[in-house]
Amino acid sequence: MTPESTRRGVVCAGLVTLDVIADVASYPGANEKVVGQAQRIEVGGPATNAARTAAALGLPVTLLAPFGRSPVATMVADQLHTAGIDWVDPVAAEHNPSPISMIIVQPATGDRAVISGGGPALRSAWTVPESLLRSAGAVLIDGHGGAVPGLLAAAGRAHGIPVLLDGGSYKAGMADYLPDVDLALLSADFVAPDGSDPCVWARSQGARAAARSDGAGPIRLVDVAGESLVPVPATSPVDTNGAGDVLHGALLAALAVTRGDSRMYAESLAFAARVASASVRYAGALGWSADLALAAALRAELRSSTATA
């Protein structure tokens, strides 16, 4: 394996989609047609947007995401390549009939509605290539892809690489790989299967630490030191689509440069919150990265955290 001091890349595993996004003044009602203010097509999915965020922050990124054969597969590959992401598709030869998601955004409020196409689950026997982990300083799993999250979490644990869980929602089998998770960052919508406190549940299933975001509210962190709240900067949102994914991607980048030091979880979450809060001021999950001054400042802030790691 690569020496720990040089392992600063990240691996994200989970969902990749092609998103068709429309900005509207108001959501259409039943049998109603509205004219979009703007449209765009871009790659999406929790792990993918996290990967794009980490790449925009200057880290080498590999995305492990089942997608399959589709007329739009080349478009997905081109966008990921342009973003500087190496894409590994373990089901590249399999047909995928529904890889497209549709998203409606109201720029006036930042609210959005999503119809997810989703990627195919990994069904056949497959192992994580050793080459994916050689330069990884941290890995992220979003729970999509069948056996993919469990395989990558176990491989990360076996190689001493910090494992971050993007817990947007509970998914079947999650308890099986939580013992390999160092930090589970759960969404405000996450519901534990037994109805208990989500952070407490995640830790009871083996996660070493758990946190839960709350939109514009503070992030709650629960670890061996107890509970704490991480503030989230106030902002005026234009587009909240993908904000949670950006939060996870920025946290993943911070975990990579701090070597997953659990003593710096609060600081890493605070950095991630600053990136996510900046992102909602722009259209699209990665619209903020086109603001070159902002992107440069965030990359510099991330690099500065290396000195204290």
Protein backbone atom coordinates (compact mmCIF):
# COMPACT_ATOMS: atom_id res chain seq x y z
CA MET A 1 0.00 0.00 0.00
CA THR A 2 0.99 3.63 -0.49
CA PRO A 3 2.54 5.25 2.62
CA GLU A 4 -0.10 6.99 4.73
CA SER A 5 1.59 10.35 4.31
CA THR A 6 0.90 10.33 0.56
CA ARG A 7 -2.62 8.85 0.65
CA ARG A 8 -4.73 11.89 -0.06
CA GLY A 9 -7.07 10.63 -2.77
CA VAL A 10 -10.64 9.52 -2.05
CA VAL A 11 -12.93 6.77 -3.31
CA CYS A 12 -16.71 7.27 -3.47
CA ALA A 13 -19.04 4.31 -3.97
CA GLY A 14 -22.73 4.37 -4.74
CA LEU A 15 -25.17 6.00 -7.11
CA VAL A 16 -24.50 7.76 -10.40
CA THR A 17 -27.36 9.13 -12.50
CA LEU A 18 -27.86 11.52 -15.37
CA ASP A 19 -30.08 14.35 -14.11
CA VAL A 20 -32.42 16.46 -16.24
CA ILE A 21 -32.95 19.63 -14.20
CA ALA A 22 -35.52 22.38 -14.80
CA ASP A 23 -35.86 25.69 -12.97
CA VAL A 24 -39.48 26.81 -12.58
CA ALA A 25 -41.35 29.65 -10.95
CA SER A 26 -43.77 27.17 -9.36
CA TYR A 27 -44.34 23.44 -9.34
CA PRO A 28 -46.87 22.22 -11.92
CA GLY A 29 -50.14 20.84 -10.63
CA ALA A 30 -51.99 17.82 -11.99
CA ASN A 31 -52.37 18.03 -15.79
CA GLU A 32 -50.65 21.42 -15.80
CA LYS A 33 -47.82 22.51 -18.08
CA VAL A 34 -45.31 25.15 -16.98
CA VAL A 35 -42.51 26.78 -18.96
CA GLY A 36 -39.08 26.24 -17.45
CA GLN A 37 -36.90 29.25 -16.74
CA ALA A 38 -33.75 27.23 -17.45
CA GLN A 39 -32.76 23.63 -18.10
CA ARG A 40 -29.53 21.67 -17.77
CA ILE A 41 -28.30 18.08 -17.88
CA GLU A 42 -25.61 16.91 -15.48
CA VAL A 43 -24.46 13.85 -13.60
CA GLY A 44 -25.85 13.31 -10.12
CA GLY A 45 -26.38 10.87 -7.29
CA PRO A 46 -25.15 11.14 -3.68
CA ALA A 47 -21.77 9.45 -4.16
CA THR A 48 -21.26 11.17 -7.52
CA ASN A 49 -21.91 14.67 -6.22
CA ALA A 50 -19.66 13.92 -3.24
CA ALA A 51 -16.98 12.81 -5.70
CA ARG A 52 -17.42 15.97 -7.78
CA THR A 53 -17.12 18.08 -4.63
CA ALA A 54 -13.91 16.37 -3.51
CA ALA A 55 -12.47 16.79 -7.01
CA ALA A 56 -13.42 20.49 -7.05
CA LEU A 57 -11.56 20.82 -3.74
CA GLY A 58 -8.43 19.52 -5.44
CA LEU A 59 -8.29 15.84 -4.45
CA PRO A 60 -7.72 12.86 -6.77
CA VAL A 61 -11.06 11.00 -6.91
CA THR A 62 -12.26 7.57 -7.99
CA LEU A 63 -15.98 6.84 -8.30
CA LEU A 64 -17.15 3.24 -7.95
CA ALA A 65 -20.71 3.32 -9.27
CA PRO A 66 -22.80 0.72 -11.14
CA PHE A 67 -24.55 2.21 -14.17
CA GLY A 68 -24.61 -0.27 -17.03
CA ARG A 69 -25.15 -0.01 -20.77
CA SER A 70 -27.36 2.90 -21.81
CA PRO A 71 -27.55 5.46 -24.63
CA VAL A 72 -26.50 8.10 -22.07
CA ALA A 73 -23.55 6.19 -20.58
CA THR A 74 -21.08 8.08 -22.78
CA MET A 75 -22.47 11.41 -21.62
CA VAL A 76 -22.04 10.34 -17.98
CA ALA A 77 -18.47 9.17 -18.64
CA ASP A 78 -17.58 12.43 -20.42
CA GLN A 79 -18.91 14.61 -17.60
CA LEU A 80 -17.07 12.58 -14.95
CA HIS A 81 -13.84 12.73 -16.94
CA THR A 82 -14.19 16.51 -17.33
CA ALA A 83 -14.64 16.78 -13.57
CA GLY A 84 -11.37 14.91 -13.07
CA ILE A 85 -12.99 11.72 -11.74
CA ASP A 86 -11.90 8.17 -12.58
CA TRP A 87 -15.06 6.08 -12.96
CA VAL A 88 -15.22 2.33 -12.32
CA ASP A 89 -18.50 0.69 -13.41
CA PRO A 90 -18.64 -2.95 -12.24
CA VAL A 91 -21.77 -3.62 -14.35
CA ALA A 92 -20.69 -1.82 -17.51
CA ALA A 93 -21.80 -4.73 -19.69
CA GLU A 94 -25.31 -4.99 -18.19
CA HIS A 95 -28.35 -3.18 -19.60
CA ASN A 96 -29.81 -0.38 -17.46
CA PRO A 97 -33.27 0.76 -18.64
CA SER A 98 -33.77 3.74 -16.27
CA PRO A 99 -30.59 5.71 -15.57
CA ILE A 100 -32.14 9.20 -15.81
CA SER A 101 -33.43 11.32 -12.92
CA MET A 102 -35.69 14.37 -13.26
CA ILE A 103 -35.41 17.35 -10.91
CA ILE A 104 -37.56 20.47 -10.60
CA VAL A 105 -36.03 23.46 -8.80
CA GLN A 106 -37.70 26.66 -7.56
CA PRO A 107 -34.84 29.22 -7.51
CA ALA A 108 -36.91 31.70 -5.49
CA THR A 109 -36.92 29.34 -2.50
CA GLY A 110 -34.17 26.83 -3.34
CA ASP A 111 -36.67 23.96 -2.94
CA ARG A 112 -36.58 20.98 -5.29
CA ALA A 113 -38.52 17.85 -6.19
CA VAL A 114 -36.79 14.72 -7.49
CA ILE A 115 -37.79 11.64 -9.49
CA SER A 116 -34.79 9.32 -9.22
CA GLY A 117 -33.88 6.93 -12.02
CA GLY A 118 -31.28 5.07 -10.01
CA GLY A 119 -28.54 2.67 -11.02
CA PRO A 120 -28.60 -1.13 -11.04
CA ALA A 121 -27.51 -3.09 -7.98
CA LEU A 122 -24.39 -5.23 -8.07
CA ARG A 123 -25.69 -8.79 -8.21
CA SER A 124 -22.82 -11.04 -9.28
CA ALA A 125 -19.65 -11.79 -7.32
CA TRP A 126 -17.21 -8.89 -7.44
CA THR A 127 -14.26 -7.72 -5.39
CA VAL A 128 -12.85 -4.25 -4.85
CA PRO A 129 -9.70 -3.88 -6.99
CA GLU A 130 -6.61 -3.34 -4.86
CA SER A 131 -5.61 -0.48 -7.15
CA LEU A 132 -8.60 1.59 -5.97
CA LEU A 133 -7.22 1.78 -2.44
CA ARG A 134 -3.52 2.44 -3.06
CA SER A 135 -3.72 6.22 -2.73
CA ALA A 136 -6.99 6.52 -0.79
CA GLY A 137 -6.96 8.68 2.32
CA ALA A 138 -10.70 8.15 2.91
CA VAL A 139 -13.67 6.39 1.30
CA LEU A 140 -17.38 7.21 1.14
CA ILE A 141 -20.36 4.91 0.66
CA ASP A 142 -23.94 6.09 0.08
CA GLY A 143 -25.73 2.76 0.50
CA HIS A 144 -26.70 2.34 -3.17
CA GLY A 145 -25.44 -0.39 -5.49
CA GLY A 146 -26.44 -3.60 -3.75
CA ALA A 147 -23.31 -5.19 -2.31
CA VAL A 148 -21.03 -2.28 -3.30
CA PRO A 149 -21.17 -0.28 -0.04
CA GLY A 150 -20.44 -3.29 2.14
CA LEU A 151 -17.56 -4.41 -0.04
CA LEU A 152 -15.86 -1.01 -0.07
CA ALA A 153 -16.45 -0.41 3.65
CA ALA A 154 -14.88 -3.77 4.50
CA ALA A 155 -11.94 -3.11 2.18
CA GLY A 156 -11.41 0.33 3.69
CA ARG A 157 -11.50 -1.07 7.21
CA ALA A 158 -9.05 -3.85 6.28
CA HIS A 159 -6.58 -1.28 4.93
CA GLY A 160 -6.95 1.20 7.78
CA ILE A 161 -8.69 3.79 5.58
CA PRO A 162 -11.37 6.00 7.21
CA VAL A 163 -14.88 5.10 6.04
CA LEU A 164 -17.62 7.75 5.79
CA LEU A 165 -21.28 6.79 5.38
CA ASP A 166 -23.64 9.13 3.55
CA GLY A 167 -26.85 8.17 5.36
CA GLY A 168 -29.45 10.01 3.33
CA SER A 169 -31.99 7.36 4.29
CA TYR A 170 -32.02 3.91 5.85
CA LYS A 171 -31.34 1.12 3.37
CA ALA A 172 -31.71 -2.61 3.82
CA GLY A 173 -28.45 -4.23 4.88
CA MET A 174 -27.02 -1.03 6.37
CA ALA A 175 -26.51 -2.66 9.77
CA ASP A 176 -24.25 -5.24 8.12
CA TYR A 177 -21.60 -2.68 7.12
CA LEU A 178 -21.97 -0.10 9.90
CA PRO A 179 -19.28 -1.91 11.97
CA ASP A 180 -16.82 -0.91 9.22
CA VAL A 181 -17.90 2.78 9.30
CA ASP A 182 -15.84 5.36 11.15
CA LEU A 183 -18.29 8.26 10.79
CA ALA A 184 -21.92 8.04 9.72
CA LEU A 185 -23.28 11.41 8.58
CA LEU A 186 -27.07 11.08 8.51
CA SER A 187 -29.63 13.42 6.98
CA ALA A 188 -32.48 15.10 8.83
CA ASP A 189 -34.80 12.66 7.01
CA PHE A 190 -33.00 9.53 8.24
CA VAL A 191 -35.28 7.23 10.24
CA ALA A 192 -33.77 4.35 12.21
CA PRO A 193 -35.52 1.03 11.52
CA ASP A 194 -36.44 0.63 15.18
CA GLY A 195 -37.63 4.22 15.53
CA SER A 196 -34.85 5.15 17.94
CA ASP A 197 -32.52 8.15 17.86
CA PRO A 198 -30.71 7.87 14.48
CA CYS A 199 -27.23 8.75 15.80
CA VAL A 200 -27.58 6.44 18.77
CA TRP A 201 -28.86 3.68 16.50
CA ALA A 202 -25.95 4.04 14.06
CA ARG A 203 -23.44 3.83 16.89
CA SER A 204 -25.26 0.85 18.44
CA GLN A 205 -24.83 -0.95 15.10
CA GLY A 206 -21.06 -0.40 15.13
CA ALA A 207 -20.35 3.05 13.68
CA ARG A 208 -17.56 4.65 15.70
CA ALA A 209 -19.18 8.09 15.47
CA ALA A 210 -22.40 9.50 14.03
CA ALA A 211 -23.60 12.95 13.04
CA ARG A 212 -26.89 14.26 11.73
CA SER A 213 -27.47 17.32 9.58
CA ASP A 214 -30.55 19.49 9.96
CA GLY A 215 -30.73 21.71 6.90
CA ALA A 216 -29.79 25.23 7.97
CA GLY A 217 -29.64 24.10 11.61
CA PRO A 218 -26.52 22.90 13.43
CA ILE A 219 -25.07 19.44 12.83
CA ARG A 220 -25.29 17.11 15.82
CA LEU A 221 -22.18 15.01 16.44
CA VAL A 222 -22.21 11.96 18.73
CA ASP A 223 -18.92 10.19 19.45
CA VAL A 224 -16.91 8.75 22.32
CA ALA A 225 -16.49 12.24 23.76
CA GLY A 226 -20.26 12.75 24.00
CA GLU A 227 -22.50 15.11 22.02
CA SER A 228 -21.76 18.46 20.42
CA LEU A 229 -23.32 20.82 17.89
CA VAL A 230 -21.47 22.11 14.84
CA PRO A 231 -22.83 25.45 13.55
CA VAL A 232 -23.94 25.90 9.95
CA PRO A 233 -23.42 29.36 8.37
CA ALA A 234 -26.58 31.27 7.53
CA THR A 235 -27.17 31.84 3.83
CA SER A 236 -29.84 32.72 1.27
CA PRO A 237 -30.41 29.58 -0.85
CA VAL A 238 -30.97 29.61 -4.59
CA ASP A 239 -30.82 25.83 -5.17
CA THR A 240 -30.64 23.23 -2.39
CA ASN A 241 -30.43 20.30 -4.80
CA GLY A 242 -27.37 18.23 -3.93
CA ALA A 243 -26.46 20.32 -0.86
CA GLY A 244 -26.32 17.24 1.35
CA ASP A 245 -24.07 15.51 -1.18
CA VAL A 246 -21.75 18.52 -1.18
CA LEU A 247 -21.67 18.36 2.62
CA HIS A 248 -20.56 14.73 2.46
CA GLY A 249 -18.01 15.35 -0.29
CA ALA A 250 -16.40 18.22 1.59
CA LEU A 251 -16.35 16.15 4.79
CA LEU A 252 -14.75 13.26 2.89
CA ALA A 253 -12.03 15.60 1.60
CA ALA A 254 -11.41 16.86 5.12
CA LEU A 255 -11.18 13.31 6.47
CA ALA A 256 -8.62 12.48 3.79
CA VAL A 257 -6.32 15.41 4.58
CA THR A 258 -6.65 14.98 8.36
CA ARG A 259 -6.03 11.22 8.09
CA GLY A 260 -9.44 10.56 9.60
CA ASP A 261 -8.38 11.94 12.98
CA SER A 262 -11.50 11.57 15.15
CA ARG A 263 -10.34 14.46 17.32
CA MET A 264 -10.91 16.72 14.31
CA TYR A 265 -14.41 15.51 13.38
CA ALA A 266 -16.04 18.73 14.61
CA GLU A 267 -13.57 20.88 12.66
CA SER A 268 -14.02 18.71 9.56
CA LEU A 269 -17.80 18.97 9.83
CA ALA A 270 -17.55 22.75 10.24
CA PHE A 271 -15.48 22.99 7.05
CA ALA A 272 -17.99 20.78 5.21
CA ALA A 273 -20.85 22.96 6.44
CA ARG A 274 -19.13 26.07 5.08
CA VAL A 275 -18.75 24.46 1.65
CA ALA A 276 -22.36 23.22 1.59
CA SER A 277 -23.71 26.61 2.71
CA ALA A 278 -21.73 28.30 -0.05
CA SER A 279 -23.01 25.78 -2.60
CA VAL A 280 -26.71 26.57 -2.16
CA ARG A 281 -26.10 30.15 -3.30
CA TYR A 282 -25.49 28.78 -6.81
CA ALA A 283 -27.56 26.76 -9.27
CA GLY A 284 -26.59 23.11 -9.35
CA ALA A 285 -24.68 21.05 -6.81
CA LEU A 286 -21.34 22.20 -8.26
CA GLY A 287 -22.30 25.69 -9.39
CA TRP A 288 -20.11 27.11 -6.63
CA SER A 289 -16.99 25.59 -8.20
CA ALA A 290 -17.32 27.97 -11.18
CA ASP A 291 -16.70 30.85 -8.78
CA LEU A 292 -12.93 30.62 -9.08
CA ALA A 293 -12.18 32.88 -6.11
CA LEU A 294 -14.50 30.91 -3.82
CA ALA A 295 -13.18 27.54 -5.00
CA ALA A 296 -9.57 28.66 -4.52
CA ALA A 297 -10.33 29.94 -1.01
CA LEU A 298 -11.99 26.66 -0.01
CA ARG A 299 -9.11 24.60 -1.43
CA ALA A 300 -6.65 26.75 0.51
CA GLU A 301 -8.66 26.28 3.69
CA LEU A 302 -8.68 22.53 3.15
CA ARG A 303 -4.91 22.46 2.57
CA SER A 304 -4.32 24.45 5.74
CA SER A 305 -5.99 21.73 7.79
CA THR A 306 -3.22 19.33 6.77
CA ALA A 307 -0.74 21.20 8.94
CA THR A 308 -2.77 20.49 12.06
CA ALA A 309 -3.49 16.85 11.23
